[in-house]
């Protein structure tokens, strides 16, 4: 079955180019040209990934991303932006985006990023399918559900993957490169902020319910401890 992708972009030429390339790779692509329609279509939860431009008629892609996550939509979101400032990239990630690409970008890079976000939503062979529990936190990879003392927690696909990796490695330091390999199929770079932002956002959600087992090990990575 073809993977369904929603492209929310207002530049007709780019929409045509990306649609043709993605369809040539076997994806089923649908597009919307403004924030309102993009939000409406994205809210259905029927797509496997959303490519979301930041600058859109009728609103900001940031607002669309925020609202989708507030509505509980867990579809992976890849932001497309002409804004090169680090702060804009970090804003998108904090709002729940899984990754971003700065225009102009190579089609091969876009395809690689799409494959990465889709891959992490599937059951991976390197992580078993059994439920894992650490303290009062319970993670079920079969339905990608997380709960604390029976209360469900809303995580993005990327946050879920990070949490699952850390829980299954409880008591062991997981390096940034190891996490980046799972998330992006590559090593992390010294100046890359996306991984740190995702971990920070995940920790805030967990700490909000009193679960504080994820710790930073300076210069090495992250660890899930059992004495929290």
N, C-alpha and C. Protein backbone atom coordinates (compact mmCIF):
# COMPACT_ATOMS: atom_id res chain seq x y z
N UNK A 1 0.85 -1.20 0.00
CA UNK A 1 0.00 0.00 0.00
C UNK A 1 0.88 1.25 0.00
N UNK A 2 0.55 2.21 -0.85
CA UNK A 2 1.33 3.44 -0.94
C UNK A 2 1.16 4.26 0.33
N UNK A 3 2.23 4.90 0.74
CA UNK A 3 2.18 5.81 1.87
C UNK A 3 1.55 7.12 1.43
N UNK A 4 0.66 7.66 2.24
CA UNK A 4 -0.06 8.89 1.90
C UNK A 4 0.64 10.07 2.54
N UNK A 5 0.93 11.07 1.72
CA UNK A 5 1.61 12.27 2.19
C UNK A 5 0.75 13.50 1.89
N UNK A 6 0.59 14.35 2.90
CA UNK A 6 -0.10 15.63 2.72
C UNK A 6 0.96 16.71 2.58
N UNK A 7 0.94 17.43 1.47
CA UNK A 7 1.85 18.54 1.22
C UNK A 7 1.09 19.84 1.39
N UNK A 8 1.47 20.65 2.37
CA UNK A 8 0.83 21.95 2.60
C UNK A 8 1.83 23.02 2.19
N UNK A 9 1.65 23.54 0.99
CA UNK A 9 2.61 24.45 0.36
C UNK A 9 1.86 25.33 -0.62
N UNK A 10 2.21 26.64 -0.67
CA UNK A 10 1.47 27.57 -1.52
C UNK A 10 2.20 27.96 -2.80
N UNK A 11 3.42 27.48 -3.00
CA UNK A 11 4.14 27.79 -4.23
C UNK A 11 3.80 26.74 -5.29
N UNK A 12 3.02 27.10 -6.32
CA UNK A 12 2.56 26.12 -7.31
C UNK A 12 3.69 25.33 -7.96
N UNK A 13 4.78 26.02 -8.30
CA UNK A 13 5.89 25.33 -8.94
C UNK A 13 6.50 24.28 -8.05
N UNK A 14 6.67 24.61 -6.77
CA UNK A 14 7.26 23.66 -5.83
C UNK A 14 6.30 22.50 -5.57
N UNK A 15 5.00 22.80 -5.49
CA UNK A 15 4.01 21.74 -5.30
C UNK A 15 4.08 20.74 -6.45
N UNK A 16 4.16 21.25 -7.68
CA UNK A 16 4.22 20.37 -8.84
C UNK A 16 5.49 19.53 -8.83
N UNK A 17 6.61 20.19 -8.54
CA UNK A 17 7.90 19.48 -8.53
C UNK A 17 7.93 18.39 -7.47
N UNK A 18 7.52 18.74 -6.25
CA UNK A 18 7.56 17.76 -5.17
C UNK A 18 6.56 16.63 -5.38
N UNK A 19 5.38 16.99 -5.88
CA UNK A 19 4.36 15.96 -6.13
C UNK A 19 4.85 14.95 -7.16
N UNK A 20 5.41 15.45 -8.25
CA UNK A 20 5.91 14.56 -9.30
C UNK A 20 7.01 13.65 -8.76
N UNK A 21 7.93 14.21 -7.99
CA UNK A 21 9.05 13.42 -7.49
C UNK A 21 8.58 12.38 -6.47
N UNK A 22 7.69 12.79 -5.59
CA UNK A 22 7.21 11.87 -4.57
C UNK A 22 6.36 10.75 -5.17
N UNK A 23 5.54 11.09 -6.15
CA UNK A 23 4.74 10.07 -6.80
C UNK A 23 5.61 9.09 -7.58
N UNK A 24 6.70 9.60 -8.14
CA UNK A 24 7.64 8.73 -8.85
C UNK A 24 8.30 7.74 -7.89
N UNK A 25 8.35 8.11 -6.61
CA UNK A 25 8.93 7.22 -5.59
C UNK A 25 7.89 6.31 -4.97
N UNK A 26 6.65 6.40 -5.47
CA UNK A 26 5.61 5.50 -5.01
C UNK A 26 4.70 6.03 -3.93
N UNK A 27 4.84 7.32 -3.59
CA UNK A 27 3.98 7.91 -2.57
C UNK A 27 2.68 8.41 -3.19
N UNK A 28 1.63 8.38 -2.41
CA UNK A 28 0.34 8.96 -2.79
C UNK A 28 0.30 10.36 -2.18
N UNK A 29 0.30 11.40 -3.01
CA UNK A 29 0.45 12.78 -2.54
C UNK A 29 -0.83 13.58 -2.75
N UNK A 30 -1.25 14.28 -1.70
CA UNK A 30 -2.34 15.24 -1.79
C UNK A 30 -1.82 16.57 -1.27
N UNK A 31 -2.33 17.67 -1.82
CA UNK A 31 -1.78 18.97 -1.43
C UNK A 31 -2.87 19.98 -1.10
N UNK A 32 -2.51 20.90 -0.23
CA UNK A 32 -3.35 22.06 0.10
C UNK A 32 -2.46 23.29 0.09
N UNK A 33 -3.06 24.45 -0.28
CA UNK A 33 -2.25 25.64 -0.47
C UNK A 33 -2.37 26.71 0.59
N UNK A 34 -3.12 26.45 1.67
CA UNK A 34 -3.19 27.46 2.73
C UNK A 34 -3.31 26.78 4.09
N UNK A 35 -3.15 27.57 5.14
CA UNK A 35 -3.09 27.03 6.49
C UNK A 35 -4.42 26.43 6.93
N UNK A 36 -5.52 27.07 6.57
CA UNK A 36 -6.84 26.60 7.02
C UNK A 36 -7.15 25.23 6.46
N UNK A 37 -6.99 25.07 5.14
CA UNK A 37 -7.29 23.78 4.52
C UNK A 37 -6.26 22.73 4.92
N UNK A 38 -5.02 23.16 5.08
CA UNK A 38 -4.00 22.22 5.52
C UNK A 38 -4.30 21.66 6.90
N UNK A 39 -4.74 22.53 7.80
CA UNK A 39 -5.11 22.10 9.14
C UNK A 39 -6.29 21.14 9.11
N UNK A 40 -7.29 21.48 8.28
CA UNK A 40 -8.47 20.64 8.19
C UNK A 40 -8.13 19.24 7.68
N UNK A 41 -7.33 19.17 6.61
CA UNK A 41 -6.96 17.87 6.04
C UNK A 41 -6.03 17.11 6.97
N UNK A 42 -5.08 17.81 7.58
CA UNK A 42 -4.15 17.16 8.47
C UNK A 42 -4.81 16.60 9.71
N UNK A 43 -5.90 17.23 10.15
CA UNK A 43 -6.59 16.81 11.36
C UNK A 43 -7.31 15.48 11.20
N UNK A 44 -7.48 15.01 9.98
CA UNK A 44 -8.17 13.74 9.76
C UNK A 44 -7.35 12.56 10.26
N UNK A 45 -6.02 12.74 10.34
CA UNK A 45 -5.17 11.67 10.80
C UNK A 45 -5.04 10.51 9.84
N UNK A 46 -5.38 10.74 8.56
CA UNK A 46 -5.37 9.67 7.57
C UNK A 46 -4.10 9.65 6.72
N UNK A 47 -3.16 10.53 7.03
CA UNK A 47 -1.92 10.60 6.25
C UNK A 47 -0.78 9.96 7.04
N UNK A 48 0.21 9.46 6.33
CA UNK A 48 1.38 8.85 6.96
C UNK A 48 2.44 9.89 7.31
N UNK A 49 2.42 11.04 6.63
CA UNK A 49 3.35 12.13 6.91
C UNK A 49 2.79 13.42 6.36
N UNK A 50 3.18 14.54 6.99
CA UNK A 50 2.76 15.86 6.53
C UNK A 50 3.99 16.70 6.26
N UNK A 51 4.09 17.25 5.04
CA UNK A 51 5.13 18.21 4.69
C UNK A 51 4.50 19.58 4.80
N UNK A 52 4.98 20.39 5.74
CA UNK A 52 4.28 21.62 6.11
C UNK A 52 5.18 22.84 5.95
N UNK A 53 4.79 23.73 5.03
CA UNK A 53 5.52 24.97 4.85
C UNK A 53 5.25 25.90 6.03
N UNK A 54 6.20 26.76 6.35
CA UNK A 54 6.02 27.70 7.46
C UNK A 54 5.20 28.91 7.03
N UNK A 55 5.56 29.51 5.89
CA UNK A 55 4.89 30.72 5.43
C UNK A 55 3.74 30.34 4.51
N UNK A 56 2.50 30.48 5.01
CA UNK A 56 1.32 30.06 4.27
C UNK A 56 0.25 31.15 4.28
N UNK A 57 -0.56 31.24 3.22
CA UNK A 57 -1.72 32.13 3.26
C UNK A 57 -2.68 31.66 4.36
N UNK A 58 -3.24 32.59 5.07
CA UNK A 58 -4.23 32.24 6.08
C UNK A 58 -3.68 31.83 7.42
N UNK A 59 -2.36 31.87 7.57
CA UNK A 59 -1.79 31.50 8.87
C UNK A 59 -0.39 30.96 8.74
N UNK A 60 0.19 30.62 9.86
CA UNK A 60 1.56 30.12 9.90
C UNK A 60 1.57 28.60 10.01
N UNK A 61 2.57 27.99 9.38
CA UNK A 61 2.76 26.56 9.53
C UNK A 61 3.03 26.18 10.97
N UNK A 62 3.65 27.10 11.72
CA UNK A 62 3.88 26.85 13.14
C UNK A 62 2.54 26.68 13.87
N UNK A 63 1.58 27.55 13.55
CA UNK A 63 0.27 27.45 14.19
C UNK A 63 -0.44 26.16 13.80
N UNK A 64 -0.30 25.77 12.54
CA UNK A 64 -0.91 24.51 12.08
C UNK A 64 -0.32 23.34 12.85
N UNK A 65 1.00 23.33 12.98
CA UNK A 65 1.69 22.25 13.70
C UNK A 65 1.22 22.20 15.15
N UNK A 66 1.19 23.36 15.81
CA UNK A 66 0.77 23.41 17.20
C UNK A 66 -0.65 22.87 17.37
N UNK A 67 -1.55 23.31 16.51
CA UNK A 67 -2.95 22.89 16.63
C UNK A 67 -3.12 21.40 16.37
N UNK A 68 -2.40 20.88 15.39
CA UNK A 68 -2.48 19.44 15.11
C UNK A 68 -2.07 18.64 16.34
N UNK A 69 -0.99 19.04 16.98
CA UNK A 69 -0.54 18.31 18.17
C UNK A 69 -1.53 18.49 19.32
N UNK A 70 -2.11 19.68 19.45
CA UNK A 70 -3.09 19.89 20.51
C UNK A 70 -4.33 19.03 20.30
N UNK A 71 -4.64 18.74 19.04
CA UNK A 71 -5.78 17.89 18.72
C UNK A 71 -5.45 16.41 18.82
N UNK A 72 -4.22 16.10 19.18
CA UNK A 72 -3.83 14.71 19.34
C UNK A 72 -3.41 14.01 18.07
N UNK A 73 -3.23 14.75 16.99
CA UNK A 73 -2.78 14.15 15.73
C UNK A 73 -1.30 13.80 15.85
N UNK A 74 -0.98 12.53 15.67
CA UNK A 74 0.39 12.06 15.85
C UNK A 74 1.13 11.84 14.53
N UNK A 75 0.54 12.22 13.43
CA UNK A 75 1.18 12.08 12.12
C UNK A 75 2.53 12.80 12.11
N UNK A 76 3.60 12.15 11.64
CA UNK A 76 4.90 12.83 11.56
C UNK A 76 4.81 14.10 10.71
N UNK A 77 5.42 15.18 11.19
CA UNK A 77 5.40 16.47 10.50
C UNK A 77 6.82 16.88 10.17
N UNK A 78 7.05 17.20 8.91
CA UNK A 78 8.35 17.70 8.45
C UNK A 78 8.13 19.12 7.96
N UNK A 79 8.74 20.10 8.63
CA UNK A 79 8.55 21.49 8.28
C UNK A 79 9.44 21.88 7.10
N UNK A 80 8.88 22.64 6.17
CA UNK A 80 9.62 23.18 5.04
C UNK A 80 9.67 24.69 5.23
N UNK A 81 10.87 25.24 5.35
CA UNK A 81 10.95 26.66 5.66
C UNK A 81 12.08 27.35 4.91
N UNK A 82 11.84 28.59 4.54
CA UNK A 82 12.88 29.42 3.93
C UNK A 82 13.64 30.17 5.01
N UNK A 83 13.19 30.06 6.25
CA UNK A 83 13.83 30.74 7.35
C UNK A 83 15.03 29.91 7.81
N UNK A 84 16.22 30.50 7.73
CA UNK A 84 17.41 29.75 8.07
C UNK A 84 17.87 29.92 9.50
N UNK A 85 17.24 30.84 10.25
CA UNK A 85 17.68 31.09 11.61
C UNK A 85 17.42 29.87 12.49
N UNK A 86 18.38 29.59 13.36
CA UNK A 86 18.25 28.46 14.27
C UNK A 86 17.00 28.58 15.12
N UNK A 87 16.66 29.78 15.56
CA UNK A 87 15.51 29.96 16.45
C UNK A 87 14.23 29.50 15.79
N UNK A 88 14.08 29.72 14.48
CA UNK A 88 12.86 29.30 13.79
C UNK A 88 12.78 27.78 13.70
N UNK A 89 13.92 27.14 13.51
CA UNK A 89 13.93 25.68 13.45
C UNK A 89 13.55 25.10 14.81
N UNK A 90 14.11 25.69 15.86
CA UNK A 90 13.83 25.20 17.21
C UNK A 90 12.37 25.39 17.57
N UNK A 91 11.78 26.51 17.15
CA UNK A 91 10.35 26.76 17.42
C UNK A 91 9.51 25.64 16.84
N UNK A 92 9.77 25.26 15.59
CA UNK A 92 9.00 24.20 14.95
C UNK A 92 9.12 22.89 15.70
N UNK A 93 10.31 22.55 16.14
CA UNK A 93 10.51 21.31 16.87
C UNK A 93 9.81 21.34 18.22
N UNK A 94 9.86 22.48 18.89
CA UNK A 94 9.20 22.60 20.18
C UNK A 94 7.69 22.47 20.06
N UNK A 95 7.15 22.87 18.92
CA UNK A 95 5.71 22.79 18.71
C UNK A 95 5.26 21.39 18.33
N UNK A 96 6.22 20.49 18.10
CA UNK A 96 5.85 19.11 17.80
C UNK A 96 6.27 18.59 16.45
N UNK A 97 6.95 19.41 15.64
CA UNK A 97 7.44 18.92 14.35
C UNK A 97 8.52 17.86 14.59
N UNK A 98 8.62 16.89 13.69
CA UNK A 98 9.60 15.83 13.84
C UNK A 98 10.93 16.16 13.18
N UNK A 99 10.91 16.99 12.16
CA UNK A 99 12.15 17.35 11.47
C UNK A 99 11.85 18.60 10.64
N UNK A 100 12.88 19.16 10.01
CA UNK A 100 12.70 20.34 9.18
C UNK A 100 13.72 20.34 8.05
N UNK A 101 13.38 21.03 6.98
CA UNK A 101 14.29 21.25 5.86
C UNK A 101 14.23 22.72 5.49
N UNK A 102 15.40 23.32 5.28
CA UNK A 102 15.48 24.73 4.90
C UNK A 102 15.57 24.83 3.38
N UNK A 103 14.68 25.62 2.80
CA UNK A 103 14.70 25.84 1.35
C UNK A 103 15.90 26.71 0.97
N UNK A 104 16.48 26.47 -0.21
CA UNK A 104 16.20 25.36 -1.13
C UNK A 104 16.86 24.08 -0.66
N UNK A 105 16.25 22.95 -0.94
CA UNK A 105 16.80 21.67 -0.53
C UNK A 105 16.79 20.71 -1.73
N UNK A 106 17.66 19.72 -1.67
CA UNK A 106 17.74 18.73 -2.74
C UNK A 106 16.63 17.70 -2.55
N UNK A 107 16.07 17.25 -3.65
CA UNK A 107 14.99 16.25 -3.58
C UNK A 107 15.46 14.99 -2.86
N UNK A 108 16.71 14.61 -3.07
CA UNK A 108 17.24 13.41 -2.43
C UNK A 108 17.24 13.55 -0.91
N UNK A 109 17.53 14.77 -0.42
CA UNK A 109 17.53 15.01 1.02
C UNK A 109 16.12 14.93 1.57
N UNK A 110 15.16 15.50 0.85
CA UNK A 110 13.77 15.42 1.29
C UNK A 110 13.31 13.97 1.37
N UNK A 111 13.62 13.19 0.35
CA UNK A 111 13.21 11.78 0.34
C UNK A 111 13.83 11.02 1.51
N UNK A 112 15.09 11.33 1.81
CA UNK A 112 15.76 10.67 2.93
C UNK A 112 15.08 11.02 4.25
N UNK A 113 14.69 12.29 4.41
CA UNK A 113 14.04 12.71 5.65
C UNK A 113 12.66 12.06 5.78
N UNK A 114 11.93 11.97 4.67
CA UNK A 114 10.62 11.34 4.70
C UNK A 114 10.74 9.87 5.08
N UNK A 115 11.70 9.18 4.45
CA UNK A 115 11.89 7.76 4.79
C UNK A 115 12.23 7.60 6.27
N UNK A 116 13.00 8.54 6.81
CA UNK A 116 13.39 8.45 8.22
C UNK A 116 12.19 8.61 9.14
N UNK A 117 11.34 9.61 8.89
CA UNK A 117 10.20 9.83 9.79
C UNK A 117 9.17 8.71 9.64
N UNK A 118 9.04 8.15 8.44
CA UNK A 118 8.12 7.04 8.26
C UNK A 118 8.65 5.78 8.93
N UNK A 119 9.95 5.58 8.83
CA UNK A 119 10.54 4.37 9.40
C UNK A 119 10.36 4.31 10.91
N UNK A 120 10.45 5.46 11.56
CA UNK A 120 10.37 5.43 13.02
C UNK A 120 8.94 5.27 13.51
N UNK A 121 7.94 5.34 12.63
CA UNK A 121 6.56 5.08 13.04
C UNK A 121 6.19 3.62 12.88
N UNK A 122 7.07 2.85 12.24
CA UNK A 122 6.83 1.43 12.06
C UNK A 122 7.49 0.64 13.18
N UNK A 123 7.02 -0.56 13.39
CA UNK A 123 7.68 -1.42 14.37
C UNK A 123 9.03 -1.80 13.80
N UNK A 124 10.11 -1.48 14.54
CA UNK A 124 11.44 -1.72 14.03
C UNK A 124 11.98 -3.03 14.56
N UNK A 125 12.84 -3.67 13.78
CA UNK A 125 13.37 -4.97 14.16
C UNK A 125 14.35 -4.87 15.32
N UNK A 126 14.90 -3.66 15.55
CA UNK A 126 15.87 -3.53 16.63
C UNK A 126 15.24 -3.29 17.99
N UNK A 127 13.93 -3.05 18.02
CA UNK A 127 13.22 -2.89 19.28
C UNK A 127 12.10 -3.93 19.34
N UNK A 128 12.04 -4.69 20.42
CA UNK A 128 11.03 -5.73 20.51
C UNK A 128 9.66 -5.09 20.71
N UNK A 129 8.61 -5.91 20.49
CA UNK A 129 7.26 -5.35 20.52
C UNK A 129 6.60 -5.44 21.89
N UNK A 130 7.29 -5.97 22.89
CA UNK A 130 6.69 -6.13 24.21
C UNK A 130 6.56 -4.79 24.93
N UNK A 131 5.59 -4.75 25.83
CA UNK A 131 5.38 -3.56 26.66
C UNK A 131 6.58 -3.40 27.59
N UNK A 132 7.00 -2.17 27.82
CA UNK A 132 8.10 -1.90 28.74
C UNK A 132 7.61 -0.93 29.81
N UNK A 133 7.98 -1.21 31.06
CA UNK A 133 7.58 -0.37 32.18
C UNK A 133 8.80 -0.01 33.02
N UNK A 134 8.91 1.26 33.37
CA UNK A 134 9.95 1.73 34.29
C UNK A 134 9.24 2.60 35.31
N UNK A 135 9.23 2.15 36.56
CA UNK A 135 8.49 2.87 37.58
C UNK A 135 7.01 2.89 37.24
N UNK A 136 6.43 4.08 37.26
CA UNK A 136 4.99 4.21 36.97
C UNK A 136 4.72 4.49 35.50
N UNK A 137 5.75 4.45 34.67
CA UNK A 137 5.59 4.75 33.25
C UNK A 137 5.47 3.46 32.46
N UNK A 138 4.51 3.43 31.54
CA UNK A 138 4.25 2.23 30.74
C UNK A 138 4.22 2.62 29.27
N UNK A 139 4.98 1.89 28.44
CA UNK A 139 5.05 2.15 27.00
C UNK A 139 4.65 0.89 26.24
N UNK A 140 3.69 1.02 25.36
CA UNK A 140 3.24 -0.10 24.53
C UNK A 140 3.54 0.22 23.07
N UNK A 141 4.57 -0.40 22.48
CA UNK A 141 4.96 -0.08 21.10
C UNK A 141 3.95 -0.55 20.05
N UNK A 142 3.08 -1.50 20.40
CA UNK A 142 2.14 -2.00 19.41
C UNK A 142 1.12 -0.94 19.00
N UNK A 143 0.66 -0.15 19.97
CA UNK A 143 -0.26 0.95 19.64
C UNK A 143 0.36 2.31 19.93
N UNK A 144 1.69 2.30 20.21
CA UNK A 144 2.45 3.53 20.45
C UNK A 144 1.79 4.38 21.53
N UNK A 145 1.39 3.71 22.60
CA UNK A 145 0.72 4.40 23.71
C UNK A 145 1.65 4.52 24.91
N UNK A 146 1.58 5.66 25.59
CA UNK A 146 2.36 5.91 26.79
C UNK A 146 1.40 6.34 27.90
N UNK A 147 1.58 5.77 29.07
CA UNK A 147 0.72 6.17 30.19
C UNK A 147 1.54 6.24 31.48
N UNK A 148 1.13 7.12 32.36
CA UNK A 148 1.76 7.27 33.68
C UNK A 148 0.68 7.07 34.72
N UNK A 149 0.82 5.99 35.50
CA UNK A 149 -0.19 5.62 36.50
C UNK A 149 -1.56 5.50 35.87
N UNK A 150 -1.57 4.97 34.64
CA UNK A 150 -2.81 4.72 33.93
C UNK A 150 -3.36 5.89 33.14
N UNK A 151 -2.73 7.06 33.29
CA UNK A 151 -3.19 8.25 32.57
C UNK A 151 -2.39 8.40 31.27
N UNK A 152 -3.07 8.44 30.12
CA UNK A 152 -2.35 8.54 28.83
C UNK A 152 -1.58 9.84 28.71
N UNK A 153 -0.42 9.77 28.05
CA UNK A 153 0.39 10.95 27.75
C UNK A 153 0.47 11.11 26.24
N UNK A 154 0.38 12.34 25.78
CA UNK A 154 0.46 12.62 24.36
C UNK A 154 1.89 12.94 23.97
N UNK A 155 2.50 12.09 23.15
CA UNK A 155 3.86 12.32 22.65
C UNK A 155 3.85 12.34 21.14
N UNK A 156 4.78 13.08 20.56
CA UNK A 156 4.95 13.05 19.11
C UNK A 156 5.63 11.73 18.74
N UNK A 157 5.60 11.31 17.47
CA UNK A 157 6.28 10.08 17.08
C UNK A 157 7.76 10.07 17.44
N UNK A 158 8.43 11.21 17.27
CA UNK A 158 9.85 11.28 17.60
C UNK A 158 10.07 11.14 19.09
N UNK A 159 9.26 11.81 19.89
CA UNK A 159 9.38 11.71 21.34
C UNK A 159 9.14 10.28 21.81
N UNK A 160 8.16 9.61 21.21
CA UNK A 160 7.89 8.23 21.57
C UNK A 160 9.09 7.35 21.30
N UNK A 161 9.70 7.51 20.13
CA UNK A 161 10.86 6.69 19.78
C UNK A 161 12.01 6.91 20.73
N UNK A 162 12.29 8.17 21.05
CA UNK A 162 13.37 8.48 22.00
C UNK A 162 13.09 7.83 23.34
N UNK A 163 11.86 7.95 23.82
CA UNK A 163 11.51 7.37 25.11
C UNK A 163 11.66 5.86 25.10
N UNK A 164 11.19 5.22 24.04
CA UNK A 164 11.28 3.76 23.98
C UNK A 164 12.73 3.29 23.98
N UNK A 165 13.57 3.97 23.21
CA UNK A 165 14.99 3.61 23.17
C UNK A 165 15.61 3.73 24.56
N UNK A 166 15.33 4.84 25.25
CA UNK A 166 15.91 5.07 26.57
C UNK A 166 15.39 4.07 27.61
N UNK A 167 14.10 3.74 27.54
CA UNK A 167 13.55 2.79 28.50
C UNK A 167 14.12 1.40 28.31
N UNK A 168 14.31 1.00 27.06
CA UNK A 168 14.84 -0.34 26.81
C UNK A 168 16.33 -0.42 27.12
N UNK A 169 16.95 0.74 27.29
CA UNK A 169 18.38 0.76 27.66
C UNK A 169 18.54 1.25 29.10
N UNK A 170 17.52 1.06 29.93
CA UNK A 170 17.51 1.60 31.28
C UNK A 170 18.81 1.24 32.01
N UNK A 171 19.41 2.26 32.65
CA UNK A 171 20.65 2.06 33.37
C UNK A 171 21.90 2.20 32.53
N UNK A 172 21.73 2.36 31.22
CA UNK A 172 22.87 2.50 30.31
C UNK A 172 22.83 3.86 29.63
N UNK A 173 23.98 4.50 29.48
CA UNK A 173 24.05 5.77 28.76
C UNK A 173 23.83 5.52 27.27
N UNK A 174 22.88 6.23 26.69
CA UNK A 174 22.62 6.17 25.24
C UNK A 174 23.21 7.42 24.62
N UNK A 175 24.15 7.26 23.72
CA UNK A 175 24.84 8.40 23.13
C UNK A 175 23.93 9.15 22.16
N UNK A 176 24.29 10.39 21.90
CA UNK A 176 23.54 11.19 20.92
C UNK A 176 23.61 10.53 19.56
N UNK A 177 24.76 9.95 19.22
CA UNK A 177 24.90 9.28 17.93
C UNK A 177 23.98 8.07 17.82
N UNK A 178 23.82 7.35 18.92
CA UNK A 178 22.93 6.19 18.89
C UNK A 178 21.49 6.62 18.67
N UNK A 179 21.06 7.67 19.36
CA UNK A 179 19.71 8.17 19.15
C UNK A 179 19.52 8.72 17.74
N UNK A 180 20.51 9.47 17.26
CA UNK A 180 20.42 10.04 15.91
C UNK A 180 20.37 8.94 14.87
N UNK A 181 21.06 7.83 15.13
CA UNK A 181 21.05 6.72 14.19
C UNK A 181 19.66 6.10 14.08
N UNK A 182 18.98 5.99 15.22
CA UNK A 182 17.62 5.45 15.22
C UNK A 182 16.65 6.42 14.56
N UNK A 183 16.79 7.72 14.88
CA UNK A 183 15.84 8.72 14.39
C UNK A 183 16.08 9.12 12.95
N UNK A 184 17.36 9.34 12.61
CA UNK A 184 17.68 9.93 11.32
C UNK A 184 18.53 9.05 10.42
N UNK A 185 18.92 7.86 10.91
CA UNK A 185 19.79 6.95 10.17
C UNK A 185 21.14 7.61 9.83
N UNK A 186 21.64 8.39 10.75
CA UNK A 186 22.95 9.04 10.59
C UNK A 186 23.44 9.46 11.96
N UNK A 187 24.73 9.87 12.04
CA UNK A 187 25.26 10.38 13.28
C UNK A 187 24.82 11.83 13.49
N UNK A 188 24.83 12.25 14.75
CA UNK A 188 24.50 13.65 15.04
C UNK A 188 25.69 14.53 14.70
N UNK A 189 25.42 15.79 14.48
CA UNK A 189 26.49 16.74 14.21
C UNK A 189 26.68 17.64 15.42
N UNK A 190 27.88 18.21 15.60
CA UNK A 190 28.16 19.00 16.81
C UNK A 190 27.22 20.17 17.01
N UNK A 191 26.71 20.75 15.92
CA UNK A 191 25.90 21.96 16.05
C UNK A 191 24.40 21.69 15.85
N UNK A 192 24.04 20.43 15.77
CA UNK A 192 22.65 20.09 15.53
C UNK A 192 21.84 20.22 16.81
N UNK A 193 20.72 20.94 16.74
CA UNK A 193 19.90 21.16 17.92
C UNK A 193 18.65 20.29 17.96
N UNK A 194 18.27 19.68 16.84
CA UNK A 194 16.98 19.01 16.78
C UNK A 194 16.86 17.90 17.82
N UNK A 195 17.88 17.07 17.97
CA UNK A 195 17.81 15.98 18.93
C UNK A 195 17.66 16.51 20.35
N UNK A 196 18.45 17.53 20.69
CA UNK A 196 18.39 18.10 22.03
C UNK A 196 17.02 18.71 22.31
N UNK A 197 16.44 19.34 21.30
CA UNK A 197 15.11 19.94 21.47
C UNK A 197 14.06 18.87 21.73
N UNK A 198 14.11 17.78 20.95
CA UNK A 198 13.15 16.70 21.14
C UNK A 198 13.27 16.09 22.54
N UNK A 199 14.48 15.84 23.00
CA UNK A 199 14.68 15.27 24.33
C UNK A 199 14.19 16.23 25.40
N UNK A 200 14.49 17.51 25.24
CA UNK A 200 14.06 18.52 26.20
C UNK A 200 12.54 18.57 26.29
N UNK A 201 11.89 18.54 25.13
CA UNK A 201 10.42 18.59 25.09
C UNK A 201 9.83 17.35 25.74
N UNK A 202 10.42 16.19 25.46
CA UNK A 202 9.96 14.95 26.05
C UNK A 202 10.09 15.00 27.57
N UNK A 203 11.23 15.47 28.06
CA UNK A 203 11.45 15.52 29.50
C UNK A 203 10.45 16.45 30.19
N UNK A 204 10.13 17.58 29.56
CA UNK A 204 9.16 18.49 30.17
C UNK A 204 7.80 17.83 30.32
N UNK A 205 7.39 17.07 29.30
CA UNK A 205 6.10 16.38 29.37
C UNK A 205 6.09 15.34 30.49
N UNK A 206 7.20 14.61 30.61
CA UNK A 206 7.28 13.58 31.64
C UNK A 206 7.39 14.19 33.04
N UNK A 207 8.18 15.24 33.16
CA UNK A 207 8.35 15.88 34.46
C UNK A 207 7.06 16.56 34.92
N UNK A 208 6.21 16.93 33.97
CA UNK A 208 4.94 17.56 34.33
C UNK A 208 4.03 16.61 35.11
N UNK A 209 4.24 15.29 34.93
CA UNK A 209 3.44 14.31 35.67
C UNK A 209 4.27 13.67 36.78
N UNK A 210 5.46 14.23 37.04
CA UNK A 210 6.27 13.76 38.15
C UNK A 210 7.23 12.64 37.84
N UNK A 211 7.46 12.35 36.55
CA UNK A 211 8.39 11.26 36.17
C UNK A 211 9.70 11.89 35.72
N UNK A 212 10.76 11.66 36.46
CA UNK A 212 12.02 12.40 36.24
C UNK A 212 13.20 11.47 36.01
N UNK A 213 12.98 10.33 35.40
CA UNK A 213 14.04 9.32 35.29
C UNK A 213 15.03 9.56 34.16
N UNK A 214 14.73 10.47 33.23
CA UNK A 214 15.66 10.72 32.13
C UNK A 214 16.65 11.80 32.53
N UNK A 215 17.92 11.49 32.45
CA UNK A 215 18.97 12.42 32.86
C UNK A 215 19.94 12.66 31.70
N UNK A 216 20.54 13.84 31.68
CA UNK A 216 21.57 14.16 30.70
C UNK A 216 22.93 13.83 31.30
N UNK A 217 23.75 13.15 30.53
CA UNK A 217 25.13 12.87 30.93
C UNK A 217 26.02 13.73 30.04
N UNK A 218 26.53 14.81 30.60
CA UNK A 218 27.25 15.81 29.82
C UNK A 218 28.39 15.18 29.01
N UNK A 219 28.38 15.51 27.71
CA UNK A 219 29.42 15.04 26.82
C UNK A 219 29.25 13.60 26.36
N UNK A 220 28.21 12.90 26.87
CA UNK A 220 28.04 11.50 26.49
C UNK A 220 26.67 11.22 25.87
N UNK A 221 25.61 11.67 26.52
CA UNK A 221 24.28 11.39 25.97
C UNK A 221 23.23 11.47 27.04
N UNK A 222 22.34 10.46 27.07
CA UNK A 222 21.22 10.46 28.01
C UNK A 222 21.08 9.07 28.64
N UNK A 223 20.48 9.04 29.82
CA UNK A 223 20.29 7.78 30.52
C UNK A 223 18.95 7.79 31.23
N UNK A 224 18.30 6.64 31.26
CA UNK A 224 17.09 6.46 32.06
C UNK A 224 17.49 5.72 33.33
N UNK A 225 17.29 6.34 34.46
CA UNK A 225 17.69 5.75 35.74
C UNK A 225 16.48 5.10 36.41
N UNK A 226 16.74 4.23 37.39
CA UNK A 226 15.64 3.52 38.06
C UNK A 226 15.38 4.03 39.46
N UNK A 227 16.17 5.01 39.92
CA UNK A 227 16.04 5.48 41.28
C UNK A 227 15.34 6.83 41.37
N UNK A 228 14.64 7.23 40.28
CA UNK A 228 13.98 8.54 40.29
C UNK A 228 12.68 8.48 41.10
